[in-house]
Amino acid sequence: MPQLVAAVLIGAGVAAGVKWIAREMTRAAEMAREAHDQMTRGPELRTVPKDLGTLEWDAEAGVYRPARRRNA
């Protein structure tokens, strides 16, 4: 009879553990889903690149810079 009681207690412990793990997995998945949604909705991530127009080489700085507009 003590073996039966031990088996029932172990079974209850395993069932509680599985239930806890399932609840934690659901919570983690929801947090990941919310973080993904927030990242895709963020206005800072949807910025349009600025059009710099024609670039010309700046030999002094060693980089390309936007061409200066000349008044015609």
PDB file of N, CA and C in Angstrom:
ATOM      1  N   MET A   1       0.805  -1.201   0.000  1.00  0.00           N
ATOM      2  CA  MET A   1       0.000   0.000   0.000  1.00  0.00           C
ATOM      3  C   MET A   1       0.855   1.274   0.000  1.00  0.00           C
ATOM      4  N   PRO A   2       1.985   1.323   0.724  1.00  0.00           N
ATOM      5  CA  PRO A   2       2.806   2.538   0.695  1.00  0.00           C
ATOM      6  C   PRO A   2       3.332   2.835  -0.712  1.00  0.00           C
ATOM      7  N   GLN A   3       3.542   1.773  -1.520  1.00  0.00           N
ATOM      8  CA  GLN A   3       4.011   1.997  -2.881  1.00  0.00           C
ATOM      9  C   GLN A   3       2.947   2.734  -3.706  1.00  0.00           C
ATOM     10  N   LEU A   4       1.714   2.417  -3.473  1.00  0.00           N
ATOM     11  CA  LEU A   4       0.622   3.064  -4.188  1.00  0.00           C
ATOM     12  C   LEU A   4       0.534   4.546  -3.818  1.00  0.00           C
ATOM     13  N   VAL A   5       0.693   4.859  -2.551  1.00  0.00           N
ATOM     14  CA  VAL A   5       0.652   6.248  -2.090  1.00  0.00           C
ATOM     15  C   VAL A   5       1.826   7.021  -2.702  1.00  0.00           C
ATOM     16  N   ALA A   6       3.000   6.411  -2.725  1.00  0.00           N
ATOM     17  CA  ALA A   6       4.176   7.063  -3.301  1.00  0.00           C
ATOM     18  C   ALA A   6       3.969   7.297  -4.800  1.00  0.00           C
ATOM     19  N   ALA A   7       3.398   6.323  -5.493  1.00  0.00           N
ATOM     20  CA  ALA A   7       3.151   6.457  -6.927  1.00  0.00           C
ATOM     21  C   ALA A   7       2.151   7.581  -7.201  1.00  0.00           C
ATOM     22  N   VAL A   8       1.122   7.697  -6.374  1.00  0.00           N
ATOM     23  CA  VAL A   8       0.128   8.758  -6.538  1.00  0.00           C
ATOM     24  C   VAL A   8       0.768  10.124  -6.283  1.00  0.00           C
ATOM     25  N   LEU A   9       1.600  10.237  -5.260  1.00  0.00           N
ATOM     26  CA  LEU A   9       2.271  11.505  -4.963  1.00  0.00           C
ATOM     27  C   LEU A   9       3.244  11.894  -6.084  1.00  0.00           C
ATOM     28  N   ILE A  10       3.987  10.923  -6.590  1.00  0.00           N
ATOM     29  CA  ILE A  10       4.906  11.200  -7.691  1.00  0.00           C
ATOM     30  C   ILE A  10       4.129  11.614  -8.935  1.00  0.00           C
ATOM     31  N   GLY A  11       3.048  10.921  -9.218  1.00  0.00           N
ATOM     32  CA  GLY A  11       2.210  11.258 -10.369  1.00  0.00           C
ATOM     33  C   GLY A  11       1.630  12.656 -10.248  1.00  0.00           C
ATOM     34  N   ALA A  12       1.183  13.027  -9.061  1.00  0.00           N
ATOM     35  CA  ALA A  12       0.635  14.364  -8.845  1.00  0.00           C
ATOM     36  C   ALA A  12       1.729  15.424  -9.031  1.00  0.00           C
ATOM     37  N   GLY A  13       2.924  15.119  -8.562  1.00  0.00           N
ATOM     38  CA  GLY A  13       4.035  16.053  -8.724  1.00  0.00           C
ATOM     39  C   GLY A  13       4.415  16.242 -10.192  1.00  0.00           C
ATOM     40  N   VAL A  14       4.437  15.135 -10.935  1.00  0.00           N
ATOM     41  CA  VAL A  14       4.754  15.214 -12.360  1.00  0.00           C
ATOM     42  C   VAL A  14       3.670  16.004 -13.090  1.00  0.00           C
ATOM     43  N   ALA A  15       2.405  15.749 -12.773  1.00  0.00           N
ATOM     44  CA  ALA A  15       1.304  16.460 -13.425  1.00  0.00           C
ATOM     45  C   ALA A  15       1.376  17.956 -13.129  1.00  0.00           C
ATOM     46  N   ALA A  16       1.673  18.311 -11.880  1.00  0.00           N
ATOM     47  CA  ALA A  16       1.793  19.726 -11.520  1.00  0.00           C
ATOM     48  C   ALA A  16       2.980  20.362 -12.248  1.00  0.00           C
ATOM     49  N   GLY A  17       4.073  19.634 -12.386  1.00  0.00           N
ATOM     50  CA  GLY A  17       5.245  20.144 -13.089  1.00  0.00           C
ATOM     51  C   GLY A  17       4.966  20.388 -14.567  1.00  0.00           C
ATOM     52  N   VAL A  18       4.270  19.453 -15.191  1.00  0.00           N
ATOM     53  CA  VAL A  18       3.930  19.607 -16.606  1.00  0.00           C
ATOM     54  C   VAL A  18       2.992  20.795 -16.797  1.00  0.00           C
ATOM     55  N   LYS A  19       2.048  20.956 -15.902  1.00  0.00           N
ATOM     56  CA  LYS A  19       1.114  22.078 -15.987  1.00  0.00           C
ATOM     57  C   LYS A  19       1.845  23.411 -15.829  1.00  0.00           C
ATOM     58  N   TRP A  20       2.804  23.468 -14.894  1.00  0.00           N
ATOM     59  CA  TRP A  20       3.575  24.686 -14.665  1.00  0.00           C
ATOM     60  C   TRP A  20       4.427  25.020 -15.882  1.00  0.00           C
ATOM     61  N   ILE A  21       5.084  24.010 -16.461  1.00  0.00           N
ATOM     62  CA  ILE A  21       5.926  24.230 -17.634  1.00  0.00           C
ATOM     63  C   ILE A  21       5.075  24.717 -18.814  1.00  0.00           C
ATOM     64  N   ALA A  22       3.905  24.130 -19.004  1.00  0.00           N
ATOM     65  CA  ALA A  22       3.026  24.566 -20.102  1.00  0.00           C
ATOM     66  C   ALA A  22       2.598  26.010 -19.910  1.00  0.00           C
ATOM     67  N   ARG A  23       2.287  26.401 -18.678  1.00  0.00           N
ATOM     68  CA  ARG A  23       1.880  27.777 -18.394  1.00  0.00           C
ATOM     69  C   ARG A  23       3.044  28.744 -18.657  1.00  0.00           C
ATOM     70  N   GLU A  24       4.263  28.375 -18.266  1.00  0.00           N
ATOM     71  CA  GLU A  24       5.434  29.219 -18.495  1.00  0.00           C
ATOM     72  C   GLU A  24       5.747  29.345 -19.990  1.00  0.00           C
ATOM     73  N   MET A  25       5.601  28.265 -20.736  1.00  0.00           N
ATOM     74  CA  MET A  25       5.843  28.305 -22.180  1.00  0.00           C
ATOM     75  C   MET A  25       4.831  29.228 -22.860  1.00  0.00           C
ATOM     76  N   THR A  26       3.578  29.177 -22.422  1.00  0.00           N
ATOM     77  CA  THR A  26       2.546  30.044 -22.985  1.00  0.00           C
ATOM     78  C   THR A  26       2.852  31.506 -22.664  1.00  0.00           C
ATOM     79  N   ARG A  27       3.279  31.780 -21.442  1.00  0.00           N
ATOM     80  CA  ARG A  27       3.615  33.141 -21.036  1.00  0.00           C
ATOM     81  C   ARG A  27       4.814  33.667 -21.829  1.00  0.00           C
ATOM     82  N   ALA A  28       5.831  32.834 -22.001  1.00  0.00           N
ATOM     83  CA  ALA A  28       7.016  33.260 -22.748  1.00  0.00           C
ATOM     84  C   ALA A  28       6.674  33.511 -24.218  1.00  0.00           C
ATOM     85  N   ALA A  29       5.837  32.673 -24.801  1.00  0.00           N
ATOM     86  CA  ALA A  29       5.442  32.856 -26.196  1.00  0.00           C
ATOM     87  C   ALA A  29       4.648  34.147 -26.361  1.00  0.00           C
ATOM     88  N   GLU A  30       3.785  34.449 -25.420  1.00  0.00           N
ATOM     89  CA  GLU A  30       2.995  35.687 -25.488  1.00  0.00           C
ATOM     90  C   GLU A  30       3.907  36.911 -25.360  1.00  0.00           C
ATOM     91  N   MET A  31       4.881  36.857 -24.469  1.00  0.00           N
ATOM     92  CA  MET A  31       5.813  37.976 -24.321  1.00  0.00           C
ATOM     93  C   MET A  31       6.629  38.174 -25.589  1.00  0.00           C
ATOM     94  N   ALA A  32       7.060  37.081 -26.218  1.00  0.00           N
ATOM     95  CA  ALA A  32       7.816  37.182 -27.461  1.00  0.00           C
ATOM     96  C   ALA A  32       6.939  37.753 -28.573  1.00  0.00           C
ATOM     97  N   ARG A  33       5.685  37.345 -28.615  1.00  0.00           N
ATOM     98  CA  ARG A  33       4.757  37.849 -29.629  1.00  0.00           C
ATOM     99  C   ARG A  33       4.536  39.350 -29.435  1.00  0.00           C
ATOM    100  N   GLU A  34       4.355  39.784 -28.192  1.00  0.00           N
ATOM    101  CA  GLU A  34       4.157  41.207 -27.920  1.00  0.00           C
ATOM    102  C   GLU A  34       5.397  42.021 -28.290  1.00  0.00           C
ATOM    103  N   ALA A  35       6.575  41.493 -27.978  1.00  0.00           N
ATOM    104  CA  ALA A  35       7.814  42.196 -28.314  1.00  0.00           C
ATOM    105  C   ALA A  35       7.969  42.307 -29.828  1.00  0.00           C
ATOM    106  N   HIS A  36       7.635  41.253 -30.539  1.00  0.00           N
ATOM    107  CA  HIS A  36       7.719  41.287 -32.008  1.00  0.00           C
ATOM    108  C   HIS A  36       6.744  42.302 -32.573  1.00  0.00           C
ATOM    109  N   ASP A  37       5.515  42.314 -32.068  1.00  0.00           N
ATOM    110  CA  ASP A  37       4.517  43.280 -32.544  1.00  0.00           C
ATOM    111  C   ASP A  37       4.962  44.712 -32.265  1.00  0.00           C
ATOM    112  N   GLN A  38       5.524  44.933 -31.083  1.00  0.00           N
ATOM    113  CA  GLN A  38       5.971  46.278 -30.726  1.00  0.00           C
ATOM    114  C   GLN A  38       7.125  46.719 -31.623  1.00  0.00           C
ATOM    115  N   MET A  39       8.019  45.803 -31.956  1.00  0.00           N
ATOM    116  CA  MET A  39       9.139  46.156 -32.824  1.00  0.00           C
ATOM    117  C   MET A  39       8.672  46.460 -34.237  1.00  0.00           C
ATOM    118  N   THR A  40       7.692  45.728 -34.728  1.00  0.00           N
ATOM    119  CA  THR A  40       7.239  45.961 -36.097  1.00  0.00           C
ATOM    120  C   THR A  40       6.336  47.183 -36.196  1.00  0.00           C
ATOM    121  N   ARG A  41       5.686  47.580 -35.099  1.00  0.00           N
ATOM    122  CA  ARG A  41       4.800  48.746 -35.115  1.00  0.00           C
ATOM    123  C   ARG A  41       5.519  50.032 -34.787  1.00  0.00           C
ATOM    124  N   GLY A  42       6.718  49.960 -34.240  1.00  0.00           N
ATOM    125  CA  GLY A  42       7.419  51.149 -33.770  1.00  0.00           C
ATOM    126  C   GLY A  42       7.654  52.164 -34.868  1.00  0.00           C
ATOM    127  N   PRO A  43       7.326  53.438 -34.634  1.00  0.00           N
ATOM    128  CA  PRO A  43       7.508  54.464 -35.667  1.00  0.00           C
ATOM    129  C   PRO A  43       8.982  54.669 -36.007  1.00  0.00           C
ATOM    130  N   GLU A  44       9.884  54.414 -35.053  1.00  0.00           N
ATOM    131  CA  GLU A  44      11.297  54.618 -35.327  1.00  0.00           C
ATOM    132  C   GLU A  44      11.839  53.578 -36.307  1.00  0.00           C
ATOM    133  N   LEU A  45      11.134  52.479 -36.476  1.00  0.00           N
ATOM    134  CA  LEU A  45      11.589  51.450 -37.397  1.00  0.00           C
ATOM    135  C   LEU A  45      11.019  51.639 -38.796  1.00  0.00           C
ATOM    136  N   ARG A  46      10.053  52.532 -38.953  1.00  0.00           N
ATOM    137  CA  ARG A  46       9.418  52.729 -40.252  1.00  0.00           C
ATOM    138  C   ARG A  46       9.843  54.038 -40.902  1.00  0.00           C
ATOM    139  N   THR A  47      11.033  54.481 -40.630  1.00  0.00           N
ATOM    140  CA  THR A  47      11.480  55.742 -41.214  1.00  0.00           C
ATOM    141  C   THR A  47      11.899  55.519 -42.654  1.00  0.00           C
ATOM    142  N   VAL A  48      11.650  56.507 -43.473  1.00  0.00           N
ATOM    143  CA  VAL A  48      12.014  56.450 -44.880  1.00  0.00           C
ATOM    144  C   VAL A  48      13.416  57.030 -44.998  1.00  0.00           C
ATOM    145  N   PRO A  49      14.312  56.355 -45.731  1.00  0.00           N
ATOM    146  CA  PRO A  49      15.666  56.905 -45.869  1.00  0.00           C
ATOM    147  C   PRO A  49      15.635  58.267 -46.544  1.00  0.00           C
ATOM    148  N   LYS A  50      16.479  59.136 -46.096  1.00  0.00           N
ATOM    149  CA  LYS A  50      16.544  60.487 -46.644  1.00  0.00           C
ATOM    150  C   LYS A  50      17.263  60.443 -47.988  1.00  0.00           C
ATOM    151  N   ASP A  51      16.694  61.092 -48.992  1.00  0.00           N
ATOM    152  CA  ASP A  51      17.314  61.159 -50.307  1.00  0.00           C
ATOM    153  C   ASP A  51      18.366  62.259 -50.287  1.00  0.00           C
ATOM    154  N   LEU A  52      19.618  61.875 -50.454  1.00  0.00           N
ATOM    155  CA  LEU A  52      20.704  62.837 -50.414  1.00  0.00           C
ATOM    156  C   LEU A  52      21.018  63.419 -51.781  1.00  0.00           C
ATOM    157  N   GLY A  53      20.388  62.913 -52.825  1.00  0.00           N
ATOM    158  CA  GLY A  53      20.664  63.395 -54.171  1.00  0.00           C
ATOM    159  C   GLY A  53      21.986  62.845 -54.672  1.00  0.00           C
ATOM    160  N   THR A  54      22.657  63.625 -55.507  1.00  0.00           N
ATOM    161  CA  THR A  54      23.934  63.207 -56.069  1.00  0.00           C
ATOM    162  C   THR A  54      25.027  63.351 -55.021  1.00  0.00           C
ATOM    163  N   LEU A  55      25.899  62.354 -54.944  1.00  0.00           N
ATOM    164  CA  LEU A  55      27.008  62.404 -54.002  1.00  0.00           C
ATOM    165  C   LEU A  55      28.290  62.708 -54.758  1.00  0.00           C
ATOM    166  N   GLU A  56      29.192  63.445 -54.099  1.00  0.00           N
ATOM    167  CA  GLU A  56      30.498  63.710 -54.698  1.00  0.00           C
ATOM    168  C   GLU A  56      31.574  63.378 -53.666  1.00  0.00           C
ATOM    169  N   TRP A  57      32.727  62.979 -54.140  1.00  0.00           N
ATOM    170  CA  TRP A  57      33.813  62.555 -53.269  1.00  0.00           C
ATOM    171  C   TRP A  57      34.475  63.761 -52.614  1.00  0.00           C
ATOM    172  N   ASP A  58      34.628  63.729 -51.300  1.00  0.00           N
ATOM    173  CA  ASP A  58      35.341  64.761 -50.557  1.00  0.00           C
ATOM    174  C   ASP A  58      36.716  64.192 -50.241  1.00  0.00           C
ATOM    175  N   ALA A  59      37.725  64.644 -50.976  1.00  0.00           N
ATOM    176  CA  ALA A  59      39.070  64.087 -50.837  1.00  0.00           C
ATOM    177  C   ALA A  59      39.672  64.402 -49.467  1.00  0.00           C
ATOM    178  N   GLU A  60      39.355  65.562 -48.900  1.00  0.00           N
ATOM    179  CA  GLU A  60      39.919  65.940 -47.606  1.00  0.00           C
ATOM    180  C   GLU A  60      39.436  65.006 -46.503  1.00  0.00           C
ATOM    181  N   ALA A  61      38.133  64.728 -46.498  1.00  0.00           N
ATOM    182  CA  ALA A  61      37.558  63.888 -45.453  1.00  0.00           C
ATOM    183  C   ALA A  61      37.621  62.413 -45.818  1.00  0.00           C
ATOM    184  N   GLY A  62      37.753  62.110 -47.115  1.00  0.00           N
ATOM    185  CA  GLY A  62      37.798  60.716 -47.548  1.00  0.00           C
ATOM    186  C   GLY A  62      36.445  60.041 -47.536  1.00  0.00           C
ATOM    187  N   VAL A  63      35.376  60.822 -47.737  1.00  0.00           N
ATOM    188  CA  VAL A  63      34.020  60.264 -47.747  1.00  0.00           C
ATOM    189  C   VAL A  63      33.217  60.921 -48.865  1.00  0.00           C
ATOM    190  N   TYR A  64      32.095  60.311 -49.200  1.00  0.00           N
ATOM    191  CA  TYR A  64      31.162  60.915 -50.143  1.00  0.00           C
ATOM    192  C   TYR A  64      30.231  61.854 -49.384  1.00  0.00           C
ATOM    193  N   ARG A  65      29.959  62.997 -49.976  1.00  0.00           N
ATOM    194  CA  ARG A  65      29.040  63.981 -49.391  1.00  0.00           C
ATOM    195  C   ARG A  65      28.024  64.385 -50.441  1.00  0.00           C
ATOM    196  N   PRO A  66      26.867  64.918 -50.020  1.00  0.00           N
ATOM    197  CA  PRO A  66      25.891  65.407 -51.001  1.00  0.00           C
ATOM    198  C   PRO A  66      26.504  66.545 -51.816  1.00  0.00           C
ATOM    199  N   ALA A  67      26.203  66.553 -53.113  1.00  0.00           N
ATOM    200  CA  ALA A  67      26.737  67.597 -53.997  1.00  0.00           C
ATOM    201  C   ALA A  67      26.112  68.939 -53.604  1.00  0.00           C
ATOM    202  N   ARG A  68      26.912  69.981 -53.660  1.00  0.00           N
ATOM    203  CA  ARG A  68      26.414  71.319 -53.338  1.00  0.00           C
ATOM    204  C   ARG A  68      25.532  71.816 -54.456  1.00  0.00           C
ATOM    205  N   ARG A  69      24.445  72.418 -54.092  1.00  0.00           N
ATOM    206  CA  ARG A  69      23.541  72.976 -55.100  1.00  0.00           C
ATOM    207  C   ARG A  69      24.101  74.314 -55.553  1.00  0.00           C
ATOM    208  N   ARG A  70      24.140  74.470 -56.838  1.00  0.00           N
ATOM    209  CA  ARG A  70      24.642  75.721 -57.402  1.00  0.00           C
ATOM    210  C   ARG A  70      23.447  76.542 -57.901  1.00  0.00           C
ATOM    211  N   ASN A  71      23.444  77.802 -57.566  1.00  0.00           N
ATOM    212  CA  ASN A  71      22.374  78.701 -58.041  1.00  0.00           C
ATOM    213  C   ASN A  71      22.640  79.042 -59.494  1.00  0.00           C
ATOM    214  N   ALA A  72      21.666  78.821 -60.337  1.00  0.00           N
ATOM    215  CA  ALA A  72      21.861  79.090 -61.769  1.00  0.00           C
ATOM    216  C   ALA A  72      21.178  80.341 -62.212  1.00  0.00           C
TER     217      ALA A  72
END
